Amino acid sequence: VQLSVEKARLFRDYFVKWVAGEASVNLISDQGSGG
């Protein structure tokens, strides 16, 4: 998959927050499209 600069930044920002336990949006879900 090829990500634009904008989407790469969105992923970066989300993953940094998620690892720090600060993510407010659930992009990762065991329910499939729940995020």
PDB file of all heavy atoms in Angstrom:
ATOM      1  N   VAL A   1       0.864  -1.172   0.000  1.00  0.00           N
ATOM      2  CA  VAL A   1       0.000   0.000   0.000  1.00  0.00           C
ATOM      3  C   VAL A   1       0.899   1.220   0.000  1.00  0.00           C
ATOM      4  O   VAL A   1       1.986   1.205   0.576  1.00  0.00           O
ATOM      5  CB  VAL A   1      -0.977   0.050   1.205  1.00  0.00           C
ATOM      6  CG1 VAL A   1      -1.989  -1.067   1.129  1.00  0.00           C
ATOM      7  CG2 VAL A   1      -0.243   0.016   2.517  1.00  0.00           C
ATOM      8  N   GLN A   2       0.483   2.227  -0.695  1.00  0.00           N
ATOM      9  CA  GLN A   2       1.269   3.452  -0.797  1.00  0.00           C
ATOM     10  C   GLN A   2       0.481   4.581  -0.152  1.00  0.00           C
ATOM     11  O   GLN A   2      -0.662   4.830  -0.516  1.00  0.00           O
ATOM     12  CB  GLN A   2       1.554   3.761  -2.260  1.00  0.00           C
ATOM     13  CG  GLN A   2       2.575   4.843  -2.454  1.00  0.00           C
ATOM     14  CD  GLN A   2       3.130   4.818  -3.867  1.00  0.00           C
ATOM     15  OE1 GLN A   2       3.494   3.768  -4.372  1.00  0.00           O
ATOM     16  NE2 GLN A   2       3.184   5.973  -4.496  1.00  0.00           N
ATOM     17  N   LEU A   3       1.094   5.225   0.843  1.00  0.00           N
ATOM     18  CA  LEU A   3       0.434   6.302   1.577  1.00  0.00           C
ATOM     19  C   LEU A   3       0.972   7.652   1.142  1.00  0.00           C
ATOM     20  O   LEU A   3       2.179   7.826   0.986  1.00  0.00           O
ATOM     21  CB  LEU A   3       0.677   6.144   3.082  1.00  0.00           C
ATOM     22  CG  LEU A   3       0.226   4.843   3.728  1.00  0.00           C
ATOM     23  CD1 LEU A   3       0.613   4.829   5.194  1.00  0.00           C
ATOM     24  CD2 LEU A   3      -1.260   4.652   3.565  1.00  0.00           C
ATOM     25  N   SER A   4       0.070   8.601   0.992  1.00  0.00           N
ATOM     26  CA  SER A   4       0.465   9.977   0.723  1.00  0.00           C
ATOM     27  C   SER A   4       1.155  10.528   1.973  1.00  0.00           C
ATOM     28  O   SER A   4       1.074   9.946   3.054  1.00  0.00           O
ATOM     29  CB  SER A   4      -0.762  10.827   0.394  1.00  0.00           C
ATOM     30  OG  SER A   4      -1.600  10.910   1.547  1.00  0.00           O
ATOM     31  N   VAL A   5       1.787  11.669   1.819  1.00  0.00           N
ATOM     32  CA  VAL A   5       2.428  12.331   2.959  1.00  0.00           C
ATOM     33  C   VAL A   5       1.397  12.579   4.058  1.00  0.00           C
ATOM     34  O   VAL A   5       1.650  12.328   5.243  1.00  0.00           O
ATOM     35  CB  VAL A   5       3.090  13.663   2.515  1.00  0.00           C
ATOM     36  CG1 VAL A   5       3.625  14.427   3.710  1.00  0.00           C
ATOM     37  CG2 VAL A   5       4.193  13.405   1.509  1.00  0.00           C
ATOM     38  N   GLU A   6       0.224  13.038   3.662  1.00  0.00           N
ATOM     39  CA  GLU A   6      -0.816  13.361   4.638  1.00  0.00           C
ATOM     40  C   GLU A   6      -1.259  12.127   5.430  1.00  0.00           C
ATOM     41  O   GLU A   6      -1.391  12.182   6.650  1.00  0.00           O
ATOM     42  CB  GLU A   6      -2.029  14.000   3.943  1.00  0.00           C
ATOM     43  CG  GLU A   6      -1.746  15.356   3.315  1.00  0.00           C
ATOM     44  CD  GLU A   6      -0.995  15.269   1.974  1.00  0.00           C
ATOM     45  OE1 GLU A   6      -1.015  14.198   1.313  1.00  0.00           O
ATOM     46  OE2 GLU A   6      -0.369  16.266   1.601  1.00  0.00           O
ATOM     47  N   LYS A   7      -1.502  11.015   4.743  1.00  0.00           N
ATOM     48  CA  LYS A   7      -1.921   9.809   5.448  1.00  0.00           C
ATOM     49  C   LYS A   7      -0.777   9.234   6.277  1.00  0.00           C
ATOM     50  O   LYS A   7      -1.006   8.711   7.370  1.00  0.00           O
ATOM     51  CB  LYS A   7      -2.468   8.775   4.478  1.00  0.00           C
ATOM     52  CG  LYS A   7      -3.867   9.114   4.034  1.00  0.00           C
ATOM     53  CD  LYS A   7      -4.544   7.974   3.332  1.00  0.00           C
ATOM     54  CE  LYS A   7      -5.932   8.418   2.920  1.00  0.00           C
ATOM     55  NZ  LYS A   7      -6.576   7.461   2.053  1.00  0.00           N
ATOM     56  N   ALA A   8       0.447   9.329   5.781  1.00  0.00           N
ATOM     57  CA  ALA A   8       1.594   8.862   6.566  1.00  0.00           C
ATOM     58  C   ALA A   8       1.681   9.648   7.874  1.00  0.00           C
ATOM     59  O   ALA A   8       1.934   9.083   8.942  1.00  0.00           O
ATOM     60  CB  ALA A   8       2.886   9.003   5.759  1.00  0.00           C
ATOM     61  N   ARG A   9       1.450  10.957   7.812  1.00  0.00           N
ATOM     62  CA  ARG A   9       1.468  11.785   9.026  1.00  0.00           C
ATOM     63  C   ARG A   9       0.330  11.408   9.968  1.00  0.00           C
ATOM     64  O   ARG A   9       0.501  11.374  11.188  1.00  0.00           O
ATOM     65  CB  ARG A   9       1.377  13.261   8.660  1.00  0.00           C
ATOM     66  CG  ARG A   9       2.662  13.791   8.075  1.00  0.00           C
ATOM     67  CD  ARG A   9       2.566  15.280   7.770  1.00  0.00           C
ATOM     68  NE  ARG A   9       3.800  15.728   7.165  1.00  0.00           N
ATOM     69  CZ  ARG A   9       3.876  16.561   6.146  1.00  0.00           C
ATOM     70  NH1 ARG A   9       2.774  17.073   5.620  1.00  0.00           N
ATOM     71  NH2 ARG A   9       5.042  16.913   5.650  1.00  0.00           N
ATOM     72  N   LEU A  10      -0.861  11.135   9.415  1.00  0.00           N
ATOM     73  CA  LEU A  10      -1.987  10.713  10.250  1.00  0.00           C
ATOM     74  C   LEU A  10      -1.663   9.411  10.991  1.00  0.00           C
ATOM     75  O   LEU A  10      -1.922   9.285  12.191  1.00  0.00           O
ATOM     76  CB  LEU A  10      -3.249  10.536   9.411  1.00  0.00           C
ATOM     77  CG  LEU A  10      -3.934  11.811   8.920  1.00  0.00           C
ATOM     78  CD1 LEU A  10      -5.040  11.464   7.929  1.00  0.00           C
ATOM     79  CD2 LEU A  10      -4.493  12.597  10.085  1.00  0.00           C
ATOM     80  N   PHE A  11      -1.101   8.445  10.262  1.00  0.00           N
ATOM     81  CA  PHE A  11      -0.702   7.188  10.894  1.00  0.00           C
ATOM     82  C   PHE A  11       0.352   7.431  11.975  1.00  0.00           C
ATOM     83  O   PHE A  11       0.250   6.915  13.079  1.00  0.00           O
ATOM     84  CB  PHE A  11      -0.149   6.202   9.851  1.00  0.00           C
ATOM     85  CG  PHE A  11      -1.195   5.338   9.227  1.00  0.00           C
ATOM     86  CD1 PHE A  11      -1.764   5.691   8.013  1.00  0.00           C
ATOM     87  CD2 PHE A  11      -1.606   4.171   9.839  1.00  0.00           C
ATOM     88  CE1 PHE A  11      -2.726   4.888   7.425  1.00  0.00           C
ATOM     89  CE2 PHE A  11      -2.566   3.359   9.265  1.00  0.00           C
ATOM     90  CZ  PHE A  11      -3.136   3.725   8.055  1.00  0.00           C
ATOM     91  N   ARG A  12       1.367   8.205  11.651  1.00  0.00           N
ATOM     92  CA  ARG A  12       2.423   8.501  12.613  1.00  0.00           C
ATOM     93  C   ARG A  12       1.830   9.091  13.888  1.00  0.00           C
ATOM     94  O   ARG A  12       2.101   8.610  14.992  1.00  0.00           O
ATOM     95  CB  ARG A  12       3.432   9.479  12.011  1.00  0.00           C
ATOM     96  CG  ARG A  12       4.515   9.921  12.998  1.00  0.00           C
ATOM     97  CD  ARG A  12       5.187  11.206  12.568  1.00  0.00           C
ATOM     98  NE  ARG A  12       4.209  12.296  12.551  1.00  0.00           N
ATOM     99  CZ  ARG A  12       4.385  13.438  11.885  1.00  0.00           C
ATOM    100  NH1 ARG A  12       5.482  13.638  11.185  1.00  0.00           N
ATOM    101  NH2 ARG A  12       3.468  14.387  11.922  1.00  0.00           N
ATOM    102  N   ASP A  13       1.025  10.123  13.734  1.00  0.00           N
ATOM    103  CA  ASP A  13       0.461  10.804  14.892  1.00  0.00           C
ATOM    104  C   ASP A  13      -0.419   9.865  15.711  1.00  0.00           C
ATOM    105  O   ASP A  13      -0.370   9.870  16.946  1.00  0.00           O
ATOM    106  CB  ASP A  13      -0.335  12.036  14.454  1.00  0.00           C
ATOM    107  CG  ASP A  13       0.544  13.109  13.816  1.00  0.00           C
ATOM    108  OD1 ASP A  13       1.791  13.024  13.942  1.00  0.00           O
ATOM    109  OD2 ASP A  13      -0.033  14.018  13.191  1.00  0.00           O
ATOM    110  N   TYR A  14      -1.220   9.058  15.018  1.00  0.00           N
ATOM    111  CA  TYR A  14      -2.085   8.133  15.738  1.00  0.00           C
ATOM    112  C   TYR A  14      -1.260   7.102  16.502  1.00  0.00           C
ATOM    113  O   TYR A  14      -1.502   6.859  17.694  1.00  0.00           O
ATOM    114  CB  TYR A  14      -3.062   7.419  14.797  1.00  0.00           C
ATOM    115  CG  TYR A  14      -3.831   6.367  15.556  1.00  0.00           C
ATOM    116  CD1 TYR A  14      -4.873   6.738  16.399  1.00  0.00           C
ATOM    117  CD2 TYR A  14      -3.455   5.040  15.503  1.00  0.00           C
ATOM    118  CE1 TYR A  14      -5.548   5.797  17.149  1.00  0.00           C
ATOM    119  CE2 TYR A  14      -4.120   4.089  16.256  1.00  0.00           C
ATOM    120  CZ  TYR A  14      -5.163   4.471  17.077  1.00  0.00           C
ATOM    121  OH  TYR A  14      -5.812   3.538  17.829  1.00  0.00           O
ATOM    122  N   PHE A  15      -0.290   6.470  15.835  1.00  0.00           N
ATOM    123  CA  PHE A  15       0.485   5.419  16.494  1.00  0.00           C
ATOM    124  C   PHE A  15       1.298   5.949  17.666  1.00  0.00           C
ATOM    125  O   PHE A  15       1.421   5.278  18.693  1.00  0.00           O
ATOM    126  CB  PHE A  15       1.371   4.680  15.496  1.00  0.00           C
ATOM    127  CG  PHE A  15       0.593   3.757  14.594  1.00  0.00           C
ATOM    128  CD1 PHE A  15       0.751   3.828  13.227  1.00  0.00           C
ATOM    129  CD2 PHE A  15      -0.302   2.829  15.110  1.00  0.00           C
ATOM    130  CE1 PHE A  15       0.031   2.983  12.392  1.00  0.00           C
ATOM    131  CE2 PHE A  15      -1.022   1.983  14.290  1.00  0.00           C
ATOM    132  CZ  PHE A  15      -0.857   2.062  12.921  1.00  0.00           C
ATOM    133  N   VAL A  16       1.839   7.145  17.565  1.00  0.00           N
ATOM    134  CA  VAL A  16       2.564   7.737  18.687  1.00  0.00           C
ATOM    135  C   VAL A  16       1.618   7.907  19.876  1.00  0.00           C
ATOM    136  O   VAL A  16       1.951   7.552  21.006  1.00  0.00           O
ATOM    137  CB  VAL A  16       3.215   9.086  18.282  1.00  0.00           C
ATOM    138  CG1 VAL A  16       3.690   9.850  19.498  1.00  0.00           C
ATOM    139  CG2 VAL A  16       4.375   8.846  17.313  1.00  0.00           C
ATOM    140  N   LYS A  17       0.416   8.417  19.623  1.00  0.00           N
ATOM    141  CA  LYS A  17      -0.562   8.598  20.692  1.00  0.00           C
ATOM    142  C   LYS A  17      -1.044   7.256  21.240  1.00  0.00           C
ATOM    143  O   LYS A  17      -1.230   7.094  22.446  1.00  0.00           O
ATOM    144  CB  LYS A  17      -1.747   9.425  20.201  1.00  0.00           C
ATOM    145  CG  LYS A  17      -1.407  10.884  19.987  1.00  0.00           C
ATOM    146  CD  LYS A  17      -2.613  11.654  19.483  1.00  0.00           C
ATOM    147  CE  LYS A  17      -2.246  13.114  19.257  1.00  0.00           C
ATOM    148  NZ  LYS A  17      -3.386  13.880  18.750  1.00  0.00           N
ATOM    149  N   TRP A  18      -1.255   6.281  20.364  1.00  0.00           N
ATOM    150  CA  TRP A  18      -1.749   4.974  20.792  1.00  0.00           C
ATOM    151  C   TRP A  18      -0.734   4.288  21.693  1.00  0.00           C
ATOM    152  O   TRP A  18      -1.078   3.761  22.756  1.00  0.00           O
ATOM    153  CB  TRP A  18      -2.077   4.117  19.573  1.00  0.00           C
ATOM    154  CG  TRP A  18      -2.655   2.779  19.947  1.00  0.00           C
ATOM    155  CD1 TRP A  18      -3.910   2.535  20.417  1.00  0.00           C
ATOM    156  CD2 TRP A  18      -1.995   1.533  19.899  1.00  0.00           C
ATOM    157  NE1 TRP A  18      -4.074   1.193  20.654  1.00  0.00           N
ATOM    158  CE2 TRP A  18      -2.908   0.552  20.349  1.00  0.00           C
ATOM    159  CE3 TRP A  18      -0.724   1.134  19.517  1.00  0.00           C
ATOM    160  CZ2 TRP A  18      -2.582  -0.787  20.428  1.00  0.00           C
ATOM    161  CZ3 TRP A  18      -0.401  -0.207  19.595  1.00  0.00           C
ATOM    162  CH2 TRP A  18      -1.321  -1.151  20.046  1.00  0.00           C
ATOM    163  N   VAL A  19       0.535   4.296  21.295  1.00  0.00           N
ATOM    164  CA  VAL A  19       1.588   3.675  22.098  1.00  0.00           C
ATOM    165  C   VAL A  19       1.699   4.371  23.458  1.00  0.00           C
ATOM    166  O   VAL A  19       1.925   3.731  24.485  1.00  0.00           O
ATOM    167  CB  VAL A  19       2.940   3.683  21.344  1.00  0.00           C
ATOM    168  CG1 VAL A  19       4.082   3.292  22.252  1.00  0.00           C
ATOM    169  CG2 VAL A  19       2.867   2.749  20.134  1.00  0.00           C
ATOM    170  N   ALA A  20       1.504   5.673  23.486  1.00  0.00           N
ATOM    171  CA  ALA A  20       1.570   6.437  24.734  1.00  0.00           C
ATOM    172  C   ALA A  20       0.288   6.317  25.558  1.00  0.00           C
ATOM    173  O   ALA A  20       0.206   6.866  26.652  1.00  0.00           O
ATOM    174  CB  ALA A  20       1.855   7.911  24.422  1.00  0.00           C
ATOM    175  N   GLY A  21      -0.720   5.627  25.035  1.00  0.00           N
ATOM    176  CA  GLY A  21      -1.985   5.478  25.737  1.00  0.00           C
ATOM    177  C   GLY A  21      -2.845   6.726  25.692  1.00  0.00           C
ATOM    178  O   GLY A  21      -3.736   6.901  26.508  1.00  0.00           O
ATOM    179  N   GLU A  22      -2.594   7.586  24.699  1.00  0.00           N
ATOM    180  CA  GLU A  22      -3.314   8.852  24.600  1.00  0.00           C
ATOM    181  C   GLU A  22      -4.252   8.933  23.407  1.00  0.00           C
ATOM    182  O   GLU A  22      -4.858   9.970  23.181  1.00  0.00           O
ATOM    183  CB  GLU A  22      -2.295  10.005  24.504  1.00  0.00           C
ATOM    184  CG  GLU A  22      -1.345  10.076  25.671  1.00  0.00           C
ATOM    185  CD  GLU A  22      -0.186  11.028  25.413  1.00  0.00           C
ATOM    186  OE1 GLU A  22      -0.117  11.608  24.308  1.00  0.00           O
ATOM    187  OE2 GLU A  22       0.653  11.175  26.312  1.00  0.00           O
ATOM    188  N   ALA A  23      -4.376   7.871  22.644  1.00  0.00           N
ATOM    189  CA  ALA A  23      -5.203   7.913  21.436  1.00  0.00           C
ATOM    190  C   ALA A  23      -6.673   8.055  21.805  1.00  0.00           C
ATOM    191  O   ALA A  23      -7.175   7.350  22.666  1.00  0.00           O
ATOM    192  CB  ALA A  23      -4.991   6.662  20.597  1.00  0.00           C
ATOM    193  N   SER A  24      -7.352   8.976  21.143  1.00  0.00           N
ATOM    194  CA  SER A  24      -8.768   9.197  21.423  1.00  0.00           C
ATOM    195  C   SER A  24      -9.659   8.545  20.379  1.00  0.00           C
ATOM    196  O   SER A  24     -10.861   8.457  20.563  1.00  0.00           O
ATOM    197  CB  SER A  24      -9.068  10.697  21.475  1.00  0.00           C
ATOM    198  OG  SER A  24      -8.736  11.293  20.237  1.00  0.00           O
ATOM    199  N   VAL A  25      -9.097   8.084  19.264  1.00  0.00           N
ATOM    200  CA  VAL A  25      -9.863   7.456  18.199  1.00  0.00           C
ATOM    201  C   VAL A  25      -9.427   6.004  18.090  1.00  0.00           C
ATOM    202  O   VAL A  25      -8.242   5.707  18.038  1.00  0.00           O
ATOM    203  CB  VAL A  25      -9.622   8.174  16.846  1.00  0.00           C
ATOM    204  CG1 VAL A  25     -10.378   7.474  15.735  1.00  0.00           C
ATOM    205  CG2 VAL A  25     -10.032   9.625  16.945  1.00  0.00           C
ATOM    206  N   ASN A  26     -10.382   5.081  18.066  1.00  0.00           N
ATOM    207  CA  ASN A  26     -10.069   3.674  17.983  1.00  0.00           C
ATOM    208  C   ASN A  26      -9.957   3.248  16.523  1.00  0.00           C
ATOM    209  O   ASN A  26     -10.952   2.965  15.884  1.00  0.00           O
ATOM    210  CB  ASN A  26     -11.142   2.843  18.695  1.00  0.00           C
ATOM    211  CG  ASN A  26     -10.859   1.367  18.619  1.00  0.00           C
ATOM    212  OD1 ASN A  26      -9.736   0.956  18.342  1.00  0.00           O
ATOM    213  ND2 ASN A  26     -11.862   0.556  18.852  1.00  0.00           N
ATOM    214  N   LEU A  27      -8.730   3.213  15.997  1.00  0.00           N
ATOM    215  CA  LEU A  27      -8.525   2.730  14.635  1.00  0.00           C
ATOM    216  C   LEU A  27      -8.320   1.219  14.622  1.00  0.00           C
ATOM    217  O   LEU A  27      -8.363   0.597  13.583  1.00  0.00           O
ATOM    218  CB  LEU A  27      -7.295   3.401  14.008  1.00  0.00           C
ATOM    219  CG  LEU A  27      -7.410   4.896  13.777  1.00  0.00           C
ATOM    220  CD1 LEU A  27      -6.115   5.427  13.185  1.00  0.00           C
ATOM    221  CD2 LEU A  27      -8.557   5.221  12.859  1.00  0.00           C
ATOM    222  N   ILE A  28      -8.065   0.652  15.771  1.00  0.00           N
ATOM    223  CA  ILE A  28      -7.794  -0.777  15.865  1.00  0.00           C
ATOM    224  C   ILE A  28      -8.951  -1.414  16.604  1.00  0.00           C
ATOM    225  O   ILE A  28      -9.259  -1.059  17.724  1.00  0.00           O
ATOM    226  CB  ILE A  28      -6.471  -1.037  16.609  1.00  0.00           C
ATOM    227  CG1 ILE A  28      -5.331  -0.354  15.864  1.00  0.00           C
ATOM    228  CG2 ILE A  28      -6.218  -2.529  16.745  1.00  0.00           C
ATOM    229  CD1 ILE A  28      -4.029  -0.356  16.609  1.00  0.00           C
ATOM    230  N   SER A  29      -9.603  -2.391  15.947  1.00  0.00           N
ATOM    231  CA  SER A  29     -10.772  -3.012  16.548  1.00  0.00           C
ATOM    232  C   SER A  29     -10.799  -4.487  16.206  1.00  0.00           C
ATOM    233  O   SER A  29     -10.593  -4.857  15.055  1.00  0.00           O
ATOM    234  CB  SER A  29     -12.036  -2.339  16.025  1.00  0.00           C
ATOM    235  OG  SER A  29     -13.170  -3.059  16.427  1.00  0.00           O
ATOM    236  N   ASP A  30     -11.056  -5.329  17.188  1.00  0.00           N
ATOM    237  CA  ASP A  30     -11.226  -6.754  16.924  1.00  0.00           C
ATOM    238  C   ASP A  30     -12.556  -7.026  16.241  1.00  0.00           C
ATOM    239  O   ASP A  30     -12.820  -8.118  15.799  1.00  0.00           O
ATOM    240  CB  ASP A  30     -11.167  -7.552  18.234  1.00  0.00           C
ATOM    241  CG  ASP A  30      -9.755  -7.641  18.776  1.00  0.00           C
ATOM    242  OD1 ASP A  30      -8.809  -7.434  17.999  1.00  0.00           O
ATOM    243  OD2 ASP A  30      -9.604  -7.919  19.979  1.00  0.00           O
ATOM    244  N   GLN A  31     -13.420  -6.024  16.156  1.00  0.00           N
ATOM    245  CA  GLN A  31     -14.745  -6.195  15.579  1.00  0.00           C
ATOM    246  C   GLN A  31     -14.776  -5.892  14.084  1.00  0.00           C
ATOM    247  O   GLN A  31     -15.824  -5.838  13.489  1.00  0.00           O
ATOM    248  CB  GLN A  31     -15.752  -5.293  16.302  1.00  0.00           C
ATOM    249  CG  GLN A  31     -15.837  -5.577  17.785  1.00  0.00           C
ATOM    250  CD  GLN A  31     -16.163  -7.038  18.072  1.00  0.00           C
ATOM    251  OE1 GLN A  31     -17.076  -7.594  17.475  1.00  0.00           O
ATOM    252  NE2 GLN A  31     -15.409  -7.653  18.958  1.00  0.00           N
ATOM    253  N   GLY A  32     -13.635  -5.654  13.468  1.00  0.00           N
ATOM    254  CA  GLY A  32     -13.623  -5.364  12.025  1.00  0.00           C
ATOM    255  C   GLY A  32     -13.646  -3.899  11.769  1.00  0.00           C
ATOM    256  O   GLY A  32     -12.643  -3.213  11.886  1.00  0.00           O
ATOM    257  N   SER A  33     -14.798  -3.345  11.433  1.00  0.00           N
ATOM    258  CA  SER A  33     -14.883  -1.939  11.064  1.00  0.00           C
ATOM    259  C   SER A  33     -15.359  -1.066  12.218  1.00  0.00           C
ATOM    260  O   SER A  33     -15.897   0.012  12.007  1.00  0.00           O
ATOM    261  CB  SER A  33     -15.831  -1.764   9.868  1.00  0.00           C
ATOM    262  OG  SER A  33     -17.125  -2.163  10.221  1.00  0.00           O
ATOM    263  N   GLY A  34     -15.165  -1.509  13.450  1.00  0.00           N
ATOM    264  CA  GLY A  34     -15.659  -0.766  14.597  1.00  0.00           C
ATOM    265  C   GLY A  34     -14.936   0.541  14.826  1.00  0.00           C
ATOM    266  O   GLY A  34     -15.428   1.409  15.512  1.00  0.00           O
ATOM    267  N   GLY A  35     -13.777   0.722  14.255  1.00  0.00           N
ATOM    268  CA  GLY A  35     -13.012   1.944  14.468  1.00  0.00           C
ATOM    269  C   GLY A  35     -13.251   2.968  13.380  1.00  0.00           C
ATOM    270  O   GLY A  35     -14.064   2.780  12.491  1.00  0.00           O
TER     271      GLY A  35
END
